Amino acid sequence: MGWKKLIFGEKMPDKDDPKYKERYEKEVETGKKFARITRIDKAAAWLQRFANEHRNLFLAIVFGIVICCFTFNIYRIALVCNASSQQKQTTATQRQEKALDKLHGKDRKIKELEMKYEKLLKEKAERENVISTNNKSNTSNNESQKH
């Protein structure tokens, strides 16, 4: 497939074009069969009949739904704008920490403290090992200098 075909797509086939006629008829028949099975055709016919019989009511319902959706979108935009100006900016890490705190509560904080404490103990033990090793080497150096 060439780039031009990918970007611009195929030319829309004409339904009477002999090259695409069989394909068009097959797709139309498949669509009709799907509509019959799912009863979309009967629902569409009922809706069309209702719209023809009650033109003003149908228009009021449709435009009412559109106006409600539009109003709800404006309401949500206003909420987001107000929330962003009232709340302080938080990073994704802070939001994640807050969610984890809600989920695990005190247990998580206790485990974090335990891990920090264990890390500090390990560092302290390593420092003591280094100091004792240095002391031993210093004392052995001092003893060798005395002899």
Protein backbone atom coordinates (compact mmCIF):
# COMPACT_ATOMS: atom_id res chain seq x y z
CA MET A 1 0.00 0.00 0.00
CA GLY A 2 1.44 3.33 -1.05
CA TRP A 3 1.62 6.43 1.11
CA LYS A 4 -0.75 8.33 -1.14
CA LYS A 5 -3.34 5.59 -0.85
CA LEU A 6 -2.82 5.43 2.92
CA ILE A 7 -3.30 9.17 3.41
CA PHE A 8 -6.02 9.90 0.85
CA GLY A 9 -7.72 6.50 0.95
CA GLU A 10 -9.42 4.73 -1.88
CA LYS A 11 -11.75 6.43 -4.31
CA MET A 12 -15.33 5.95 -3.16
CA PRO A 13 -16.75 3.27 -5.46
CA ASP A 14 -20.00 3.94 -7.30
CA LYS A 15 -22.75 1.43 -6.52
CA ASP A 16 -23.41 0.93 -10.24
CA ASP A 17 -19.74 0.37 -11.12
CA PRO A 18 -19.49 -3.25 -12.33
CA LYS A 19 -16.15 -3.62 -10.57
CA TYR A 20 -17.71 -2.98 -7.16
CA LYS A 21 -21.37 -3.93 -7.81
CA GLU A 22 -21.10 -7.44 -6.39
CA ARG A 23 -19.20 -6.24 -3.33
CA TYR A 24 -21.73 -3.42 -2.78
CA GLU A 25 -24.72 -5.79 -3.00
CA LYS A 26 -23.05 -8.25 -0.62
CA GLU A 27 -22.34 -5.50 1.95
CA VAL A 28 -25.90 -4.14 1.69
CA GLU A 29 -27.36 -7.61 2.17
CA THR A 30 -25.08 -8.24 5.18
CA GLY A 31 -26.14 -4.91 6.71
CA LYS A 32 -29.84 -5.70 6.21
CA LYS A 33 -29.39 -9.15 7.74
CA PHE A 34 -27.61 -7.66 10.78
CA ALA A 35 -30.38 -5.05 11.17
CA ARG A 36 -33.06 -7.76 11.05
CA ILE A 37 -31.27 -9.96 13.60
CA THR A 38 -30.69 -7.12 16.07
CA ARG A 39 -34.13 -5.59 15.26
CA ILE A 40 -32.56 -2.23 14.55
CA ASP A 41 -34.74 -2.01 11.43
CA LYS A 42 -37.96 -2.24 13.48
CA ALA A 43 -36.69 0.29 16.03
CA ALA A 44 -35.76 2.69 13.23
CA ALA A 45 -39.16 2.24 11.58
CA TRP A 46 -40.95 2.89 14.90
CA LEU A 47 -38.85 5.99 15.55
CA GLN A 48 -39.48 7.29 12.02
CA ARG A 49 -43.23 6.73 12.43
CA PHE A 50 -43.19 8.53 15.82
CA ALA A 51 -41.22 11.44 14.34
CA ASN A 52 -43.67 11.77 11.45
CA GLU A 53 -46.75 11.64 13.70
CA HIS A 54 -45.42 13.92 16.49
CA ARG A 55 -43.06 16.26 14.68
CA ASN A 56 -42.92 19.02 17.36
CA LEU A 57 -42.61 16.58 20.27
CA PHE A 58 -39.83 14.68 18.49
CA LEU A 59 -37.91 17.88 17.78
CA ALA A 60 -38.38 19.02 21.39
CA ILE A 61 -37.03 15.69 22.68
CA VAL A 62 -34.02 15.67 20.33
CA PHE A 63 -33.08 19.30 20.96
CA GLY A 64 -33.72 18.81 24.69
CA ILE A 65 -31.19 15.97 24.75
CA VAL A 66 -28.67 18.06 22.81
CA ILE A 67 -29.14 21.04 25.14
CA CYS A 68 -28.82 18.80 28.23
CA CYS A 69 -25.56 17.31 26.91
CA PHE A 70 -24.21 20.75 26.08
CA THR A 71 -25.18 22.08 29.54
CA PHE A 72 -23.62 19.08 31.28
CA ASN A 73 -20.36 19.61 29.35
CA ILE A 74 -20.24 23.29 30.34
CA TYR A 75 -20.95 22.31 33.97
CA ARG A 76 -18.09 19.78 33.96
CA ILE A 77 -15.71 22.31 32.38
CA ALA A 78 -16.62 24.85 35.06
CA LEU A 79 -16.02 22.25 37.81
CA VAL A 80 -12.61 21.37 36.42
CA CYS A 81 -11.60 25.02 36.07
CA ASN A 82 -12.71 25.83 39.62
CA ALA A 83 -11.06 22.72 41.06
CA SER A 84 -7.75 23.47 39.37
CA SER A 85 -7.71 27.03 40.68
CA GLN A 86 -8.71 26.05 44.24
CA GLN A 87 -6.53 22.99 44.71
CA LYS A 88 -2.78 23.12 44.80
CA GLN A 89 -0.91 21.39 42.04
CA THR A 90 0.20 17.87 42.93
CA THR A 91 2.57 15.60 41.11
CA ALA A 92 1.62 12.13 39.95
CA THR A 93 3.89 10.66 42.63
CA GLN A 94 2.10 12.62 45.36
CA ARG A 95 -1.30 11.46 44.10
CA GLN A 96 -0.04 7.88 44.00
CA GLU A 97 1.33 8.12 47.54
CA LYS A 98 -1.99 9.51 48.73
CA ALA A 99 -3.89 6.68 47.05
CA LEU A 100 -1.57 4.08 48.59
CA ASP A 101 -2.00 5.68 52.01
CA LYS A 102 -5.76 5.45 51.63
CA LEU A 103 -5.49 1.85 50.51
CA HIS A 104 -2.99 0.55 53.05
CA GLY A 105 -3.17 3.21 55.74
CA LYS A 106 -0.88 2.91 58.75
CA ASP A 107 0.53 -0.49 57.74
CA ARG A 108 2.32 1.02 54.77
CA LYS A 109 3.83 3.83 56.82
CA ILE A 110 4.98 1.38 59.48
CA LYS A 111 6.65 -0.81 56.84
CA GLU A 112 8.37 2.22 55.34
CA LEU A 113 9.69 3.21 58.76
CA GLU A 114 10.88 -0.34 59.40
CA MET A 115 12.70 -0.39 56.07
CA LYS A 116 14.36 2.97 56.81
CA TYR A 117 15.35 1.73 60.28
CA GLU A 118 16.83 -1.49 58.85
CA LYS A 119 18.74 0.52 56.26
CA LEU A 120 20.14 2.80 58.96
CA LEU A 121 21.16 -0.23 61.04
CA LYS A 122 22.96 -1.76 58.05
CA GLU A 123 24.78 1.51 57.35
CA LYS A 124 25.77 1.78 61.01
CA ALA A 125 27.06 -1.81 61.04
CA GLU A 126 29.07 -1.16 57.87
CA ARG A 127 30.57 2.00 59.36
CA GLU A 128 31.51 0.10 62.53
CA ASN A 129 33.12 -2.64 60.43
CA VAL A 130 35.14 -0.07 58.51
CA ILE A 131 36.18 1.66 61.74
CA SER A 132 37.13 -1.61 63.45
CA THR A 133 39.07 -2.72 60.36
CA ASN A 134 40.89 0.62 60.31
CA ASN A 135 41.61 0.35 64.03
CA LYS A 136 42.99 -3.17 63.65
CA SER A 137 45.23 -2.14 60.77
CA ASN A 138 46.37 0.92 62.72
CA THR A 139 47.18 -1.13 65.82
CA SER A 140 49.05 -3.73 63.75
CA ASN A 141 51.00 -0.90 62.07
CA ASN A 142 51.81 0.57 65.47
CA GLU A 143 52.94 -2.80 66.82
CA SER A 144 55.15 -3.45 63.80
CA GLN A 145 56.71 -0.01 64.23
CA LYS A 146 57.46 -0.74 67.90
CA HIS A 147 59.36 -3.96 67.09
